[in-house]
Protein backbone atom coordinates (compact mmCIF):
# COMPACT_ATOMS: atom_id res chain seq x y z
CA MET A 1 30.89 -137.56 34.82
CA LYS A 2 32.14 -138.12 38.38
CA LYS A 3 35.92 -138.20 38.80
CA GLY A 4 35.85 -140.92 41.41
CA GLY A 5 34.20 -142.40 44.43
CA ILE A 6 31.05 -144.39 43.95
CA LEU A 7 29.90 -144.33 40.33
CA ASN A 8 26.74 -146.39 40.64
CA PRO A 9 23.89 -143.82 40.28
CA SER A 10 21.50 -145.71 42.48
CA ILE A 11 23.98 -145.91 45.33
CA CYS A 12 24.90 -142.24 44.92
CA SER A 13 21.28 -141.26 45.03
CA LEU A 14 20.53 -143.44 48.12
CA ILE A 15 23.49 -142.04 50.03
CA ALA A 16 22.41 -138.45 49.21
CA GLU A 17 18.94 -139.19 50.55
CA LEU A 18 20.10 -140.64 53.86
CA GLY A 19 19.79 -138.47 56.94
CA GLN A 20 20.94 -138.66 60.50
CA GLY A 21 19.59 -141.84 62.14
CA ASP A 22 18.67 -143.53 58.79
CA GLU A 23 19.80 -147.11 58.37
CA LEU A 24 21.47 -148.73 55.40
CA LEU A 25 22.13 -152.41 55.06
CA ILE A 26 25.02 -153.96 53.13
CA VAL A 27 24.33 -157.67 52.87
CA ASP A 28 25.71 -160.86 51.41
CA ALA A 29 24.20 -162.84 48.54
CA ALA A 30 22.25 -165.16 50.78
CA PHE A 31 20.61 -162.59 52.97
CA ALA A 32 16.78 -162.79 52.99
CA LEU A 33 15.82 -159.36 51.65
CA PRO A 34 12.97 -157.49 53.41
CA PRO A 35 9.93 -157.64 51.12
CA ASP A 36 9.28 -153.93 50.86
CA ALA A 37 12.83 -152.72 51.02
CA TYR A 38 14.55 -150.49 48.45
CA VAL A 39 17.24 -152.94 47.18
CA ILE A 40 20.24 -152.19 45.02
CA ASP A 41 21.49 -155.61 43.88
CA LEU A 42 25.06 -155.52 42.80
CA SER A 43 25.65 -159.26 42.62
CA LEU A 44 27.25 -160.30 39.36
CA VAL A 45 28.97 -163.64 39.91
CA PRO A 46 29.96 -165.28 43.25
CA GLY A 47 32.37 -162.94 45.02
CA ILE A 48 32.01 -159.95 42.67
CA PRO A 49 31.58 -157.49 44.29
CA ARG A 50 32.88 -158.54 47.70
CA PHE A 51 31.15 -157.34 50.86
CA MET A 52 34.26 -155.46 52.06
CA ASP A 53 34.74 -153.65 48.69
CA VAL A 54 31.22 -152.27 48.91
CA LEU A 55 31.52 -151.41 52.65
CA LYS A 56 34.82 -149.58 52.10
CA ALA A 57 33.36 -147.54 49.20
CA VAL A 58 30.27 -146.62 51.16
CA ALA A 59 32.17 -145.84 54.32
CA HIS A 60 34.33 -143.45 52.31
CA GLU A 61 31.30 -141.35 51.33
CA LEU A 62 28.82 -141.75 54.25
CA VAL A 63 28.92 -140.27 57.71
CA ILE A 64 28.51 -143.37 59.94
CA ASP A 65 27.41 -142.88 63.52
CA SER A 66 27.38 -146.56 64.44
CA ALA A 67 26.97 -150.02 63.01
CA ILE A 68 25.35 -153.33 63.85
CA ILE A 69 26.57 -156.77 62.91
CA ALA A 70 25.56 -160.32 63.73
CA ARG A 71 27.38 -161.70 66.79
CA GLU A 72 27.99 -164.86 64.79
CA MET A 73 30.34 -163.01 62.40
CA ALA A 74 33.20 -163.08 64.88
CA ASP A 75 33.30 -166.93 65.06
CA ASP A 76 32.00 -167.90 61.68
CA ASN A 77 33.68 -165.23 59.51
CA PRO A 78 36.71 -163.93 61.46
CA GLU A 79 38.46 -162.49 58.46
CA ILE A 80 35.51 -160.20 57.57
CA TYR A 81 35.00 -159.44 61.28
CA ARG A 82 38.60 -158.23 61.56
CA GLU A 83 38.28 -156.12 58.40
CA VAL A 84 34.99 -154.56 59.59
CA THR A 85 36.37 -153.71 63.06
CA ARG A 86 39.57 -152.33 61.47
CA LEU A 87 37.61 -150.14 59.04
CA LEU A 88 35.03 -148.79 61.49
CA ASP A 89 35.60 -147.66 65.06
CA GLU A 90 35.19 -150.84 67.07
CA SER A 91 33.47 -149.00 69.91
CA SER A 92 30.72 -147.93 67.47
CA ILE A 93 29.86 -151.46 66.42
CA ASP A 94 27.05 -153.28 68.28
CA GLU A 95 26.60 -157.03 67.99
CA ILE A 96 23.23 -158.79 68.05
CA THR A 97 22.14 -162.28 67.03
CA HIS A 98 21.71 -162.96 63.32
CA HIS A 99 18.02 -163.64 64.04
CA GLU A 100 17.64 -160.21 65.60
CA PHE A 101 19.55 -158.65 62.71
CA GLN A 102 17.12 -160.20 60.19
CA GLU A 103 14.10 -159.01 62.22
CA GLN A 104 15.40 -155.43 62.26
CA ALA A 105 16.25 -155.38 58.53
CA ALA A 106 12.81 -154.02 57.59
CA ASP A 107 13.72 -150.73 59.31
CA ALA A 108 16.45 -149.96 56.82
CA LYS A 109 15.91 -147.13 54.30
CA GLY A 110 17.90 -149.08 51.71
CA VAL A 111 19.70 -152.43 51.10
CA ILE A 112 22.79 -152.97 49.03
CA ARG A 113 23.17 -156.65 48.10
CA THR A 114 26.69 -157.85 47.30
CA ALA A 115 27.82 -161.19 45.82
CA GLU A 116 29.64 -162.13 49.04
CA PHE A 117 29.43 -165.91 49.60
CA SER A 118 30.91 -166.07 53.10
CA PRO A 119 28.67 -166.36 56.22
CA TYR A 120 27.23 -163.36 58.17
CA ALA A 121 28.77 -160.73 55.87
CA ASN A 122 26.03 -158.26 56.71
CA ILE A 123 26.06 -154.84 58.40
CA LYS A 124 23.60 -152.21 59.31
CA LEU A 125 25.04 -148.67 59.14
CA ILE A 126 23.34 -145.94 61.12
CA CYS A 127 23.98 -142.61 59.56
CA GLY A 128 25.39 -139.69 61.45
CA SER A 129 25.52 -135.93 60.76
CA ALA A 130 28.32 -134.11 58.97
CA PHE A 131 27.86 -131.13 61.38
């Protein structure tokens, strides 16, 4: 048994399979999931787990080169926006429209769906290299 970190075996496996340049989405409960995506659905009840709880856990175990969020997050979900920019290097975060974000979702190697019920709580993480 693992001592700590992410315990979910599906997420552990997905993180282990990601390579440099691969993309991982962490999305809210309302996000339209890409039809052919590998989805790990963690939603239990509204708000459990929260988007930020999942992002923090993944960020602790994954080498992140950059991230992409919807531009609308800053205005429509300022609390999450502040938490995301505090957790990740702000200079490594690109902002695009939510429509563009949805169009690019199909490129992700995996999707982790949270039970977040606040707007635009979605992020695309682009993996980096540990060396």
